[in-house]
Protein backbone atom coordinates (compact mmCIF):
# COMPACT_ATOMS: atom_id res chain seq x y z
CA MET A 1 60.14 52.24 415.78
CA ALA A 2 62.03 53.10 418.81
CA GLY A 3 64.74 50.94 417.85
CA GLY A 4 63.42 47.99 416.80
CA GLY A 5 60.06 49.17 415.87
CA GLN A 6 57.37 51.54 416.99
CA SER A 7 56.84 51.44 420.70
CA ALA A 8 53.50 53.18 420.92
CA ALA A 9 50.12 52.01 419.90
CA ALA A 10 49.79 54.86 417.47
CA GLY A 11 52.90 53.71 415.73
CA VAL A 12 51.39 50.54 414.33
CA PRO A 13 48.76 51.42 411.73
CA LEU A 14 47.04 48.04 411.73
CA LEU A 15 46.00 48.47 415.35
CA GLU A 16 43.85 51.44 414.50
CA LYS A 17 41.37 49.20 412.67
CA SER A 18 42.04 45.79 414.10
CA ALA A 19 39.67 45.15 416.99
CA GLY A 20 39.56 41.39 416.87
CA ALA A 21 42.64 41.02 414.70
CA SER A 22 43.38 37.71 413.03
CA ARG A 23 46.63 35.76 413.40
CA THR A 24 47.94 37.25 410.16
CA GLN A 25 47.08 40.80 411.18
CA THR A 26 48.64 40.33 414.61
CA LEU A 27 51.77 38.83 413.07
CA GLY A 28 52.01 41.87 410.81
CA ASN A 29 51.60 44.16 413.81
CA ILE A 30 54.36 42.34 415.70
CA ILE A 31 56.77 42.61 412.77
CA VAL A 32 56.00 46.30 412.17
CA SER A 33 56.39 47.12 415.88
CA VAL A 34 59.67 45.21 416.34
CA VAL A 35 61.59 45.32 413.06
CA GLY A 36 63.04 48.75 412.42
CA THR A 37 66.17 50.62 411.41
CA GLY A 38 68.08 49.30 414.42
CA VAL A 39 68.72 46.04 412.56
CA LEU A 40 71.00 47.92 410.15
CA GLY A 41 73.40 48.51 413.05
CA LEU A 42 73.74 44.82 413.95
CA PRO A 43 76.71 44.05 411.64
CA PHE A 44 78.65 46.82 413.38
CA ALA A 45 77.66 45.37 416.76
CA LEU A 46 79.07 41.99 415.70
CA ARG A 47 82.23 43.72 414.56
CA ILE A 48 82.61 45.06 418.11
CA ALA A 49 81.62 41.87 419.97
CA GLY A 50 82.77 39.19 417.52
CA TRP A 51 80.55 37.19 415.19
CA LEU A 52 80.05 34.25 417.58
CA THR A 53 79.36 36.12 420.80
CA GLY A 54 77.34 38.73 418.95
CA SER A 55 75.13 36.17 417.21
CA VAL A 56 74.52 34.27 420.45
CA GLY A 57 73.79 37.56 422.19
CA VAL A 58 71.15 38.48 419.65
CA ILE A 59 69.39 35.12 420.10
CA VAL A 60 69.52 35.38 423.91
CA THR A 61 68.18 38.93 423.79
CA GLY A 62 65.28 37.77 421.64
CA LEU A 63 64.44 34.93 424.05
CA CYS A 64 64.57 37.22 427.09
CA THR A 65 62.44 39.85 425.37
CA TYR A 66 59.83 37.24 424.46
CA TYR A 67 59.74 35.87 428.02
CA CYS A 68 59.35 39.32 429.56
CA MET A 69 56.58 40.21 427.12
CA LEU A 70 54.69 37.16 428.38
CA LEU A 71 55.25 38.35 431.95
CA LEU A 72 53.47 41.61 431.12
CA VAL A 73 50.51 39.76 429.63
CA GLN A 74 50.29 37.51 432.71
CA CYS A 75 50.34 40.55 435.00
CA ARG A 76 47.49 42.23 433.15
CA GLU A 77 45.43 39.04 433.12
CA LYS A 78 45.85 38.70 436.88
CA LEU A 79 44.71 42.27 437.51
CA ALA A 80 41.74 41.86 435.15
CA SER A 81 40.64 38.68 436.91
CA GLU A 82 40.90 40.26 440.36
CA GLU A 83 38.99 43.40 439.44
CA ASP A 84 36.51 41.60 437.19
CA SER A 85 36.88 44.47 434.74
CA MET A 86 36.84 44.55 430.95
CA VAL A 87 39.05 47.64 430.98
CA LYS A 88 42.41 46.79 429.44
CA LYS A 89 45.39 47.77 431.55
CA SER A 90 48.22 49.74 429.96
CA TYR A 91 51.89 49.49 430.87
CA GLY A 92 51.45 52.60 433.01
CA ASP A 93 48.46 51.01 434.77
CA LEU A 94 50.63 48.02 435.71
CA GLY A 95 53.19 50.41 437.15
CA TYR A 96 50.48 52.06 439.25
CA GLU A 97 49.08 48.74 440.52
CA CYS A 98 52.56 47.51 441.50
CA MET A 99 54.24 50.65 442.82
CA GLY A 100 51.55 53.28 443.18
CA ARG A 101 51.58 56.72 441.58
CA ASN A 102 55.38 56.79 441.45
CA GLY A 103 55.30 53.51 439.55
CA ARG A 104 53.06 55.03 436.90
CA TYR A 105 55.29 58.11 436.61
CA LEU A 106 58.39 55.93 436.34
CA THR A 107 56.92 53.61 433.72
CA GLU A 108 55.45 56.34 431.54
CA SER A 109 58.58 58.49 431.89
CA LEU A 110 60.77 55.62 430.68
CA ILE A 111 58.46 54.99 427.73
CA LEU A 112 58.52 58.72 426.93
CA ILE A 113 62.34 58.82 427.05
CA ALA A 114 62.55 55.68 424.92
CA GLN A 115 60.21 57.28 422.38
CA CYS A 116 62.38 60.40 422.31
CA GLY A 117 65.45 58.21 421.89
CA GLY A 118 63.86 56.39 418.98
CA SER A 119 62.93 59.72 417.38
CA VAL A 120 66.49 61.02 417.71
CA ALA A 121 67.75 57.76 416.20
CA TYR A 122 65.44 58.35 413.21
CA LEU A 123 66.99 61.78 412.63
CA VAL A 124 70.55 60.49 413.02
CA PHE A 125 69.86 57.64 410.60
CA ILE A 126 68.39 59.98 407.98
CA GLY A 127 71.17 62.52 408.47
CA GLN A 128 73.98 59.99 408.06
CA ASN A 129 72.43 58.38 404.97
CA VAL A 130 71.59 61.67 403.23
CA SER A 131 75.05 63.03 404.03
CA SER A 132 76.65 59.91 402.52
CA MET A 133 74.63 60.34 399.34
CA PHE A 134 76.04 63.87 398.96
CA ASN A 135 79.55 62.83 399.94
CA GLY A 136 82.16 65.44 399.08
CA ARG A 137 79.65 68.30 398.71
CA GLY A 138 80.04 69.75 402.18
CA LEU A 139 76.67 68.63 403.54
CA SER A 140 77.28 67.45 407.10
CA VAL A 141 75.06 65.12 409.11
CA ALA A 142 73.95 68.01 411.35
CA SER A 143 73.08 70.12 408.29
CA CYS A 144 70.94 67.31 406.88
CA ILE A 145 69.13 66.96 410.20
CA PHE A 146 68.33 70.67 410.46
CA LEU A 147 67.12 70.75 406.85
CA LEU A 148 64.48 68.23 407.92
CA VAL A 149 63.13 70.39 410.76
CA PRO A 150 60.63 72.51 408.73
CA VAL A 151 59.31 69.39 407.00
CA GLU A 152 58.89 67.47 410.26
CA ILE A 153 57.23 70.42 411.99
CA GLY A 154 54.69 70.63 409.18
CA LEU A 155 54.04 66.88 409.30
CA SER A 156 53.69 66.95 413.10
CA TRP A 157 50.81 69.41 412.73
CA ILE A 158 48.77 66.85 410.77
CA GLY A 159 45.98 65.72 413.05
CA SER A 160 45.19 62.37 411.44
CA LEU A 161 47.67 59.56 411.91
CA SER A 162 45.85 57.42 409.37
CA ALA A 163 47.13 59.71 406.60
CA LEU A 164 50.70 58.82 407.56
CA ALA A 165 50.15 55.18 408.51
CA PRO A 166 50.93 53.71 405.05
CA PHE A 167 54.43 55.17 405.27
CA SER A 168 55.06 53.03 408.35
CA ILE A 169 54.55 49.91 406.26
CA PHE A 170 56.58 51.49 403.44
CA ALA A 171 59.48 52.02 405.86
CA ALA A 172 59.25 48.40 407.01
CA ILE A 173 59.35 47.19 403.40
CA CYS A 174 62.40 49.38 402.75
CA ASN A 175 64.10 47.84 405.80
CA LEU A 176 63.52 44.37 404.38
CA LEU A 177 64.78 45.44 400.95
CA ALA A 178 67.87 46.96 402.51
CA MET A 179 68.55 43.72 404.39
CA ALA A 180 68.09 41.71 401.19
CA ILE A 181 70.48 43.91 399.21
CA VAL A 182 73.09 43.79 401.99
CA VAL A 183 72.90 39.98 402.10
CA LYS A 184 73.17 39.88 398.29
CA GLU A 185 76.34 41.97 398.43
CA ASP A 186 77.68 39.77 401.25
CA ILE A 187 77.14 36.59 399.26
CA GLN A 188 78.75 38.18 396.20
CA GLN A 189 81.87 38.94 398.20
CA ALA A 190 81.88 35.39 399.58
CA VAL A 191 81.68 33.97 396.05
CA ASP A 192 84.53 36.24 394.97
CA GLY A 193 86.61 34.97 397.89
CA GLU A 194 87.21 38.40 399.36
CA PHE A 195 87.11 37.31 403.00
CA SER A 196 87.94 34.38 405.23
CA PHE A 197 86.90 33.35 408.72
CA ARG A 198 90.47 33.80 409.91
CA ASP A 199 90.19 37.53 409.24
CA ARG A 200 87.03 37.89 411.34
CA THR A 201 86.85 38.03 415.13
CA ALA A 202 84.71 35.33 416.73
CA ILE A 203 85.00 36.47 420.36
CA THR A 204 86.21 39.97 421.17
CA SER A 205 89.17 40.45 423.49
CA ASN A 206 87.65 43.77 424.58
CA ILE A 207 85.13 42.99 427.30
CA GLY A 208 83.52 46.36 426.73
CA GLY A 209 82.43 45.21 423.30
CA LEU A 210 79.89 42.77 424.75
CA PRO A 211 77.62 45.26 426.54
CA PHE A 212 77.96 47.64 423.59
CA ALA A 213 76.65 45.00 421.20
CA GLY A 214 74.06 43.98 423.78
CA GLY A 215 72.72 47.53 423.89
CA VAL A 216 72.31 47.56 420.10
CA ALA A 217 70.54 44.18 420.24
CA VAL A 218 68.12 45.35 422.95
CA PHE A 219 67.47 48.50 420.91
CA CYS A 220 66.58 46.32 417.90
CA PHE A 221 64.00 44.30 419.87
CA GLU A 222 62.48 47.17 421.82
CA GLY A 223 58.73 47.15 421.28
CA PHE A 224 57.49 46.76 424.80
CA GLY A 225 55.08 49.68 424.69
CA MET A 226 53.18 47.65 422.10
CA THR A 227 52.98 44.32 423.96
CA LEU A 228 49.66 44.82 425.72
CA ALA A 229 48.07 46.57 422.75
CA LEU A 230 49.09 43.71 420.45
CA GLU A 231 47.64 41.09 422.76
CA ALA A 232 44.44 43.06 423.33
CA SER A 233 43.88 43.53 419.60
CA MET A 234 43.90 39.79 418.84
CA LYS A 235 40.59 38.00 418.35
CA ASP A 236 41.74 34.72 419.93
CA LYS A 237 44.06 35.87 422.72
CA THR A 238 44.92 32.30 423.72
CA GLN A 239 46.99 32.05 420.52
CA PHE A 240 49.06 35.14 421.30
CA PRO A 241 51.91 33.45 423.26
CA ARG A 242 52.45 30.88 420.53
CA LEU A 243 52.25 33.46 417.74
CA LEU A 244 54.64 35.74 419.62
CA ALA A 245 57.07 32.84 420.06
CA GLN A 246 56.96 32.05 416.35
CA ALA A 247 57.46 35.71 415.41
CA PHE A 248 60.38 36.22 417.80
CA THR A 249 62.04 33.00 416.74
CA GLY A 250 61.96 34.09 413.11
CA ILE A 251 63.02 37.67 413.86
CA SER A 252 65.89 36.54 416.13
CA VAL A 253 67.27 34.13 413.54
CA VAL A 254 67.01 36.73 410.76
CA TYR A 255 68.70 39.35 412.98
CA ALA A 256 71.57 37.01 413.86
CA LEU A 257 72.12 35.93 410.25
CA PHE A 258 71.92 39.47 408.96
CA GLY A 259 74.48 40.72 411.47
CA PHE A 260 76.71 37.74 410.72
CA PHE A 261 76.66 38.18 406.95
CA GLY A 262 77.14 41.93 407.21
CA TYR A 263 80.22 41.63 409.40
CA MET A 264 81.65 38.79 407.31
CA ALA A 265 81.38 40.90 404.17
CA TYR A 266 83.08 44.04 405.40
CA GLY A 267 85.08 43.03 408.48
CA ASP A 268 86.81 45.93 410.21
CA GLN A 269 85.43 48.27 407.56
CA THR A 270 81.84 47.66 408.71
CA ARG A 271 80.12 51.01 409.26
CA ASP A 272 77.68 51.72 412.10
CA ILE A 273 74.87 51.73 409.50
CA ILE A 274 75.53 48.86 407.09
CA THR A 275 73.90 50.65 404.14
CA LEU A 276 76.83 53.07 404.22
CA ASN A 277 79.07 50.14 403.17
CA LEU A 278 77.08 49.40 400.04
CA PRO A 279 78.60 50.27 396.65
CA ARG A 280 77.40 53.51 395.11
CA ASN A 281 75.06 51.98 392.54
CA TRP A 282 71.43 52.62 391.73
CA SER A 283 70.04 49.82 393.90
CA SER A 284 71.80 50.86 397.12
CA ILE A 285 71.04 54.55 396.58
CA ALA A 286 67.38 53.72 395.87
CA VAL A 287 67.18 51.75 399.12
CA GLN A 288 68.76 54.59 401.09
CA ILE A 289 66.33 57.08 399.58
CA GLY A 290 63.42 54.76 400.34
CA LEU A 291 64.54 54.25 403.93
CA CYS A 292 64.94 57.98 404.48
CA LEU A 293 61.58 58.87 402.90
CA GLY A 294 59.82 56.21 404.93
CA LEU A 295 61.35 57.52 408.16
CA VAL A 296 60.62 61.16 407.29
CA PHE A 297 56.91 60.37 407.08
CA THR A 298 56.81 57.97 410.05
CA PHE A 299 58.72 60.37 412.31
CA PRO A 300 55.45 62.17 413.28
CA ILE A 301 53.97 58.80 414.29
CA MET A 302 56.93 58.29 416.63
CA LEU A 303 56.25 61.73 418.12
CA HIS A 304 52.55 61.11 418.72
CA PRO A 305 52.89 59.59 422.25
CA ILE A 306 55.27 62.42 423.19
CA HIS A 307 52.76 65.02 422.03
CA GLU A 308 49.94 63.29 423.93
CA ILE A 309 51.82 63.43 427.22
CA ILE A 310 53.08 67.01 426.80
CA GLU A 311 49.80 68.43 425.52
CA GLY A 312 47.83 66.62 428.23
CA ASN A 313 49.82 68.56 430.83
CA LEU A 314 49.91 71.89 428.99
CA THR A 315 46.28 72.45 428.14
CA LYS A 316 42.92 70.99 429.09
CA ASP A 317 41.15 72.31 426.00
CA SER A 318 42.88 72.16 422.64
CA THR A 319 39.76 73.29 420.74
CA THR A 320 40.10 76.98 421.63
CA ARG A 321 42.26 79.31 419.58
CA MET A 322 44.87 79.60 422.32
CA GLY A 323 44.75 75.85 422.89
CA LYS A 324 45.39 75.12 419.22
CA LEU A 325 48.21 77.67 419.16
CA GLY A 326 49.75 75.97 422.19
CA VAL A 327 49.58 72.60 420.41
CA TYR A 328 51.30 73.97 417.30
CA VAL A 329 54.03 75.68 419.31
CA SER A 330 54.69 72.69 421.56
CA ARG A 331 54.94 70.31 418.61
CA ALA A 332 57.35 72.62 416.81
CA MET A 333 59.47 72.90 419.95
CA VAL A 334 59.60 69.13 420.36
CA VAL A 335 60.89 68.68 416.81
CA MET A 336 63.52 71.40 417.23
CA VAL A 337 64.77 70.05 420.57
CA LEU A 338 65.08 66.52 419.18
CA ALA A 339 66.92 67.86 416.11
CA VAL A 340 69.41 69.69 418.32
CA LEU A 341 70.02 66.54 420.36
CA ALA A 342 70.43 64.48 417.19
CA SER A 343 73.03 66.91 415.83
CA TYR A 344 75.30 66.11 418.79
CA VAL A 345 75.03 62.32 418.47
CA PRO A 346 78.43 60.95 417.34
CA GLY A 347 77.05 57.92 415.52
CA PHE A 348 73.94 55.79 415.05
CA ALA A 349 75.28 52.59 416.65
CA VAL A 350 76.75 54.40 419.66
CA PHE A 351 73.43 56.12 420.31
CA ALA A 352 71.43 52.92 419.72
CA SER A 353 73.62 51.13 422.26
CA LEU A 354 73.13 53.92 424.80
CA VAL A 355 69.32 53.91 424.43
CA GLY A 356 69.24 50.11 424.44
CA SER A 357 71.42 49.91 427.55
CA THR A 358 69.39 52.43 429.53
CA VAL A 359 65.66 52.91 429.05
CA CYS A 360 65.12 49.93 426.74
CA ALA A 361 66.78 47.54 429.20
CA LEU A 362 64.71 48.91 432.07
CA ILE A 363 61.45 48.74 430.10
CA SER A 364 62.17 45.35 428.55
CA PHE A 365 63.62 43.41 431.48
CA VAL A 366 63.68 45.20 434.84
CA LEU A 367 60.08 46.45 435.03
CA PRO A 368 58.37 43.26 433.74
CA ALA A 369 60.31 41.09 436.20
CA THR A 370 59.53 43.52 439.03
CA PHE A 371 55.82 43.63 438.20
CA HIS A 372 55.66 39.83 437.98
CA LEU A 373 57.35 39.34 441.35
CA THR A 374 55.15 41.99 442.98
CA LEU A 375 51.81 40.75 441.68
CA PHE A 376 52.35 36.99 441.94
CA GLY A 377 54.68 36.87 444.94
CA SER A 378 54.47 33.64 446.92
CA SER A 379 52.34 31.90 444.28
CA LEU A 380 55.37 31.63 442.00
CA GLN A 381 57.38 28.44 441.90
CA PHE A 382 61.01 28.56 443.01
CA TRP A 383 62.37 28.42 439.47
CA GLN A 384 60.07 31.26 438.39
CA LYS A 385 61.21 33.47 441.27
CA THR A 386 64.83 32.61 440.54
CA LEU A 387 64.45 33.42 436.86
CA ASP A 388 62.66 36.71 437.56
CA PHE A 389 65.31 37.79 440.07
CA PHE A 390 68.06 36.78 437.64
CA ILE A 391 66.53 38.85 434.82
CA LEU A 392 65.98 41.76 437.21
CA LEU A 393 69.57 41.72 438.47
CA CYS A 394 71.11 41.22 435.03
CA GLY A 395 68.93 44.00 433.62
CA LEU A 396 70.09 46.44 436.29
CA LEU A 397 73.76 45.51 435.91
CA PHE A 398 73.51 45.70 432.14
CA ALA A 399 71.84 49.13 432.33
CA VAL A 400 74.56 50.51 434.61
CA TYR A 401 77.60 49.07 432.84
CA GLY A 402 76.17 49.37 429.35
CA THR A 403 75.41 53.05 429.93
CA TYR A 404 78.91 53.72 431.22
CA ASN A 405 80.45 51.79 428.34
CA ALA A 406 78.43 53.57 425.67
CA ILE A 407 79.22 57.00 427.13
CA VAL A 408 82.98 56.62 427.57
CA GLY A 409 83.30 54.78 424.23
CA LEU A 410 85.18 51.64 423.29
């Protein structure tokens, strides 16, 4: 769950056993790979951008993400037809075909950075929630993060992902429960008459709030590393575009409504993780504990693509004693480095916006449009070229300004 969900094939447990997946299985894979902890930062994003502009932004982001996912599928189909090969192309393969070896390095490096960003976001999320549960007892967010390090190192040494896969679904269920409880609290406040539309900002007067909220929205939808794996796993691939459209329509509407209700309930008091706004009762604490436990056990799944890349370059034989020792040491170092980075992150939403504005925007919009223009070229109709160039330009501008805005702060 890089932001939205898990952005590596290993991160979605159903794909491990779903050669020829049905519509229901594929729909489940899409939801697990897209819906993640990032959604809990959407109410804060709407507080920054305004409920109207923020809600529209979430819907637009969902539409653009869906369109660019289809571009990736079209690019792979074109390459497969030209080469008459049954070998399925990965995102990195598309980068190589379009821009050579540097294209592969760029694509895989961005996916690696996005995976690291999602892993750091996991740690920040857990740290902030655990710290809030022990409020007043001197346990800081950084302390909570470092307390997790020995546990995560031990879990990262587990060789079988299938042993951890059920926790991925458990974390997704906890996300849905958290959303349901937040909406319940929102409705309760509405019934009690504790807020009015006049007290809530519809359109922010701070122009910097728009790219900030946009970065959070992109982070929530980021699941591009899974696009080609999802399509390849489906039994009837001709149904994938329609199924993807249905899934993204539902997810976009739920995201927009969730952000809207969350901001309406708490207004200017909306925290960067909405669960921190919940009253200190058994239900909210149980959800926070469930979310944290789910993420603790799915964190190693997020690290799996990182380990694959690092270990592939460190050693050619991991079966020898020295090779195994190198694997253990490298995995421990990865966890420790990510924990140190997470300890310096000022807040979940700020970091989510930064990751969404940088690598997620490049992976989700810039690269798919570039690949599509490169591979199809003159065969594209004028409106297709115009739309691809528009997405490419907007993606670059958003990445530059959104990064600057997230770094300097609002």
